[in-house]
C-alpha atoms as a PDB file:
ATOM      1  CA  MET A   1     111.133  86.301  58.591  1.00  0.00           C
ATOM      2  CA  PHE A   2     112.756  86.587  62.020  1.00  0.00           C
ATOM      3  CA  GLY A   3     111.608  90.211  62.227  1.00  0.00           C
ATOM      4  CA  ASN A   4     107.985  89.156  61.755  1.00  0.00           C
ATOM      5  CA  LEU A   5     108.393  86.399  64.311  1.00  0.00           C
ATOM      6  CA  ARG A   6     109.904  88.846  66.801  1.00  0.00           C
ATOM      7  CA  LYS A   7     106.992  91.283  66.250  1.00  0.00           C
ATOM      8  CA  SER A   8     104.468  88.504  66.772  1.00  0.00           C
ATOM      9  CA  PHE A   9     106.091  87.384  70.019  1.00  0.00           C
ATOM     10  CA  GLY A  10     106.381  91.002  71.112  1.00  0.00           C
ATOM     11  CA  ARG A  11     102.659  91.563  70.614  1.00  0.00           C
ATOM     12  CA  PHE A  12     101.883  88.297  72.389  1.00  0.00           C
ATOM     13  CA  PHE A  13     103.971  89.236  75.439  1.00  0.00           C
ATOM     14  CA  ASP A  14     102.514  92.753  75.472  1.00  0.00           C
ATOM     15  CA  SER A  15      99.014  91.280  75.554  1.00  0.00           C
ATOM     16  CA  LEU A  16     100.005  89.034  78.476  1.00  0.00           C
ATOM     17  CA  ARG A  17     101.308  92.045  80.406  1.00  0.00           C
ATOM     18  CA  THR A  18      98.066  93.935  79.756  1.00  0.00           C
ATOM     19  CA  GLN A  19      95.987  90.985  80.938  1.00  0.00           C
ATOM     20  CA  THR A  20      98.026  90.696  84.125  1.00  0.00           C
ATOM     21  CA  THR A  21      97.593  94.398  84.820  1.00  0.00           C
ATOM     22  CA  THR A  22      93.854  94.133  84.182  1.00  0.00           C
ATOM     23  CA  GLN A  23      93.597  91.124  86.497  1.00  0.00           C
ATOM     24  CA  GLU A  24      95.531  92.963  89.209  1.00  0.00           C
ATOM     25  CA  ALA A  25      93.206  95.945  88.868  1.00  0.00           C
ATOM     26  CA  LYS A  26      90.161  93.656  89.237  1.00  0.00           C
ATOM     27  CA  ARG A  27      91.619  91.967  92.320  1.00  0.00           C
ATOM     28  CA  THR A  28      89.137  91.949  95.159  1.00  0.00           C
ATOM     29  CA  HIS A  29      90.126  93.178  98.586  1.00  0.00           C
ATOM     30  CA  ASN A  30      88.871  91.730 101.818  1.00  0.00           C
ATOM     31  CA  LEU A  31      87.396  93.918 104.534  1.00  0.00           C
ATOM     32  CA  PHE A  32      90.518  93.804 106.697  1.00  0.00           C
ATOM     33  CA  GLU A  33      92.722  95.030 103.841  1.00  0.00           C
ATOM     34  CA  ALA A  34      90.223  97.793 103.201  1.00  0.00           C
ATOM     35  CA  ALA A  35      90.099  98.752 106.880  1.00  0.00           C
ATOM     36  CA  ALA A  36      93.893  98.796 107.188  1.00  0.00           C
ATOM     37  CA  ALA A  37      94.272 100.921 104.067  1.00  0.00           C
ATOM     38  CA  TYR A  38      91.463 103.245 105.155  1.00  0.00           C
ATOM     39  CA  ILE A  39      92.802 103.800 108.671  1.00  0.00           C
ATOM     40  CA  SER A  40      96.413 104.264 107.565  1.00  0.00           C
ATOM     41  CA  ALA A  41      95.237 106.743 104.910  1.00  0.00           C
ATOM     42  CA  CYS A  42      93.253 108.629 107.567  1.00  0.00           C
ATOM     43  CA  ALA A  43      96.338 108.757 109.789  1.00  0.00           C
ATOM     44  CA  GLU A  44      98.379 110.148 106.887  1.00  0.00           C
ATOM     45  CA  ASP A  45      95.536 112.474 105.782  1.00  0.00           C
ATOM     46  CA  ASP A  46      95.614 110.995 102.252  1.00  0.00           C
ATOM     47  CA  GLN A  47      92.146 111.707 100.876  1.00  0.00           C
ATOM     48  CA  ASP A  48      92.759 109.895  97.582  1.00  0.00           C
ATOM     49  CA  GLN A  49      93.685 106.670  99.379  1.00  0.00           C
ATOM     50  CA  ILE A  50      90.754 107.097 101.771  1.00  0.00           C
ATOM     51  CA  ASP A  51      88.371 107.348  98.835  1.00  0.00           C
ATOM     52  CA  GLU A  52      89.950 104.360  97.083  1.00  0.00           C
ATOM     53  CA  ALA A  53      89.873 102.109 100.152  1.00  0.00           C
ATOM     54  CA  ALA A  54      86.242 103.049 100.762  1.00  0.00           C
ATOM     55  CA  THR A  55      85.329 101.591  97.353  1.00  0.00           C
ATOM     56  CA  TRP A  56      86.954  98.198  97.993  1.00  0.00           C
ATOM     57  CA  VAL A  57      84.128  96.862 100.170  1.00  0.00           C
ATOM     58  CA  SER A  58      80.625  97.874 101.197  1.00  0.00           C
ATOM     59  CA  PRO A  59      80.283 100.638 103.809  1.00  0.00           C
ATOM     60  CA  GLU A  60      78.974  98.104 106.328  1.00  0.00           C
ATOM     61  CA  ALA A  61      81.948  95.810 105.801  1.00  0.00           C
ATOM     62  CA  LEU A  62      84.369  98.732 106.066  1.00  0.00           C
ATOM     63  CA  SER A  63      82.715  99.820 109.302  1.00  0.00           C
ATOM     64  CA  PHE A  64      83.050  96.312 110.725  1.00  0.00           C
ATOM     65  CA  GLY A  65      86.696  96.116 109.626  1.00  0.00           C
ATOM     66  CA  VAL A  66      87.536  99.495 111.164  1.00  0.00           C
ATOM     67  CA  SER A  67      85.824  98.462 114.405  1.00  0.00           C
ATOM     68  CA  GLU A  68      87.741  95.173 114.493  1.00  0.00           C
ATOM     69  CA  LEU A  69      91.013  96.991 113.801  1.00  0.00           C
ATOM     70  CA  ALA A  70      90.294  99.454 116.611  1.00  0.00           C
ATOM     71  CA  CYS A  71      89.589  96.608 119.055  1.00  0.00           C
ATOM     72  CA  ARG A  72      92.776  94.791 118.137  1.00  0.00           C
ATOM     73  CA  ALA A  73      94.841  97.985 118.338  1.00  0.00           C
ATOM     74  CA  VAL A  74      93.493  98.875 121.791  1.00  0.00           C
ATOM     75  CA  ILE A  75      94.114  95.343 123.062  1.00  0.00           C
ATOM     76  CA  ALA A  76      97.678  95.364 121.692  1.00  0.00           C
ATOM     77  CA  LEU A  77      98.416  98.753 123.252  1.00  0.00           C
ATOM     78  CA  ALA A  78      96.867  97.688 126.559  1.00  0.00           C
ATOM     79  CA  ARG A  79      99.127  94.644 126.682  1.00  0.00           C
ATOM     80  CA  GLU A  80     102.156  96.727 125.709  1.00  0.00           C
ATOM     81  CA  ARG A  81     101.409  99.386 128.338  1.00  0.00           C
ATOM     82  CA  ASP A  82     100.215  96.873 130.958  1.00  0.00           C
ATOM     83  CA  GLU A  83      96.969  98.826 131.326  1.00  0.00           C
ATOM     84  CA  SER A  84      93.316  97.978 130.884  1.00  0.00           C
ATOM     85  CA  PRO A  85      91.792  98.338 127.413  1.00  0.00           C
ATOM     86  CA  GLN A  86      89.366 100.916 128.839  1.00  0.00           C
ATOM     87  CA  ALA A  87      92.220 103.076 130.177  1.00  0.00           C
ATOM     88  CA  VAL A  88      94.039 102.881 126.840  1.00  0.00           C
ATOM     89  CA  ALA A  89      90.914 103.740 124.827  1.00  0.00           C
ATOM     90  CA  ARG A  90      90.131 106.720 127.039  1.00  0.00           C
ATOM     91  CA  SER A  91      93.739 107.879 126.835  1.00  0.00           C
ATOM     92  CA  LEU A  92      93.768 107.646 123.029  1.00  0.00           C
ATOM     93  CA  LEU A  93      90.583 109.715 122.870  1.00  0.00           C
ATOM     94  CA  GLY A  94      91.898 112.286 125.343  1.00  0.00           C
ATOM     95  CA  LEU A  95      89.278 111.464 127.953  1.00  0.00           C
ATOM     96  CA  PRO A  96      90.008 111.610 131.691  1.00  0.00           C
ATOM     97  CA  ALA A  97      90.744 108.342 133.454  1.00  0.00           C
ATOM     98  CA  VAL A  98      87.849 106.734 135.311  1.00  0.00           C
END
Protein backbone atom coordinates (compact mmCIF):
# COMPACT_ATOMS: atom_id res chain seq x y z
CA MET A 1 0.00 0.00 0.00
CA PHE A 2 2.78 2.45 0.87
CA GLY A 3 4.57 1.53 -2.36
CA ASN A 4 1.52 2.53 -4.40
CA LEU A 5 1.18 5.74 -2.44
CA ARG A 6 4.85 6.55 -3.00
CA LYS A 7 4.47 5.91 -6.76
CA SER A 8 1.42 8.15 -6.91
CA PHE A 9 3.19 11.00 -5.11
CA GLY A 10 6.24 10.46 -7.29
CA ARG A 11 4.18 10.83 -10.46
CA PHE A 12 2.44 13.88 -9.02
CA PHE A 13 5.73 15.61 -8.20
CA ASP A 14 7.19 14.66 -11.59
CA SER A 15 4.20 16.28 -13.30
CA LEU A 16 4.71 19.45 -11.24
CA ARG A 17 8.37 19.60 -12.29
CA THR A 18 7.38 19.19 -15.95
CA GLN A 19 4.80 21.95 -15.68
CA THR A 20 7.33 24.30 -14.10
CA THR A 21 9.82 23.58 -16.86
CA THR A 22 7.14 24.15 -19.50
CA GLN A 23 6.13 27.44 -17.87
CA GLU A 24 9.76 28.56 -17.73
CA ALA A 25 10.18 27.74 -21.41
CA LYS A 26 7.07 29.80 -22.26
CA ARG A 27 8.29 32.76 -20.21
CA THR A 28 8.17 35.95 -22.23
CA HIS A 29 11.19 38.20 -22.45
CA ASN A 30 11.05 41.95 -22.63
CA LEU A 31 12.90 43.88 -25.30
CA PHE A 32 15.70 44.96 -22.96
CA GLU A 33 16.43 41.37 -21.94
CA ALA A 34 16.46 40.41 -25.60
CA ALA A 35 18.77 43.30 -26.50
CA ALA A 36 21.18 42.51 -23.66
CA ALA A 37 21.30 38.83 -24.59
CA TYR A 38 21.68 39.65 -28.29
CA ILE A 39 24.51 42.15 -27.81
CA SER A 40 26.41 40.00 -25.31
CA ALA A 41 26.07 37.02 -27.67
CA CYS A 42 27.40 39.16 -30.54
CA ALA A 43 30.36 40.21 -28.39
CA GLU A 44 31.09 36.55 -27.59
CA ASP A 45 30.41 35.46 -31.20
CA ASP A 46 27.80 32.92 -30.01
CA GLN A 47 25.57 32.39 -33.03
CA ASP A 48 23.18 30.04 -31.23
CA GLN A 49 22.48 32.62 -28.52
CA ILE A 50 22.17 35.36 -31.15
CA ASP A 51 19.53 33.35 -32.97
CA GLU A 52 17.67 32.54 -29.75
CA ALA A 53 17.62 36.14 -28.51
CA ALA A 54 16.39 37.31 -31.90
CA THR A 55 13.28 35.14 -31.48
CA TRP A 56 12.32 36.58 -28.08
CA VAL A 57 10.82 39.80 -29.47
CA SER A 58 9.91 41.27 -32.84
CA PRO A 59 12.76 42.57 -35.02
CA GLU A 60 11.54 46.14 -34.51
CA ALA A 61 11.54 45.75 -30.73
CA LEU A 62 15.00 44.17 -30.80
CA SER A 63 16.28 47.04 -32.93
CA PHE A 64 14.86 49.57 -30.47
CA GLY A 65 16.35 47.68 -27.52
CA VAL A 66 19.79 47.48 -29.14
CA SER A 67 19.65 51.20 -29.94
CA GLU A 68 18.67 52.03 -26.36
CA LEU A 69 21.46 49.81 -25.01
CA ALA A 70 23.98 51.51 -27.30
CA CYS A 71 22.87 54.97 -26.11
CA ARG A 72 23.12 53.99 -22.47
CA ALA A 73 26.52 52.35 -22.98
CA VAL A 74 27.95 55.40 -24.75
CA ILE A 75 26.62 57.73 -22.06
CA ALA A 76 28.08 55.54 -19.29
CA LEU A 77 31.47 55.37 -21.01
CA ALA A 78 31.44 59.12 -21.66
CA ARG A 79 30.84 59.80 -17.98
CA GLU A 80 33.52 57.29 -16.98
CA ARG A 81 36.07 58.76 -19.40
CA ASP A 82 34.97 62.38 -18.81
CA GLU A 83 34.51 62.83 -22.56
CA SER A 84 31.60 63.78 -24.77
CA PRO A 85 29.28 61.02 -25.98
CA GLN A 86 30.22 61.93 -29.57
CA ALA A 87 33.95 61.47 -28.87
CA VAL A 88 33.30 58.11 -27.19
CA ALA A 89 31.06 56.87 -30.02
CA ARG A 90 33.60 57.86 -32.66
CA SER A 91 36.38 56.23 -30.66
CA LEU A 92 34.43 52.97 -30.29
CA LEU A 93 33.84 52.90 -34.04
CA GLY A 94 37.47 53.70 -34.83
CA LEU A 95 36.63 57.04 -36.43
CA PRO A 96 38.94 60.06 -36.15
CA ALA A 97 38.08 62.68 -33.57
CA VAL A 98 36.21 65.74 -34.82
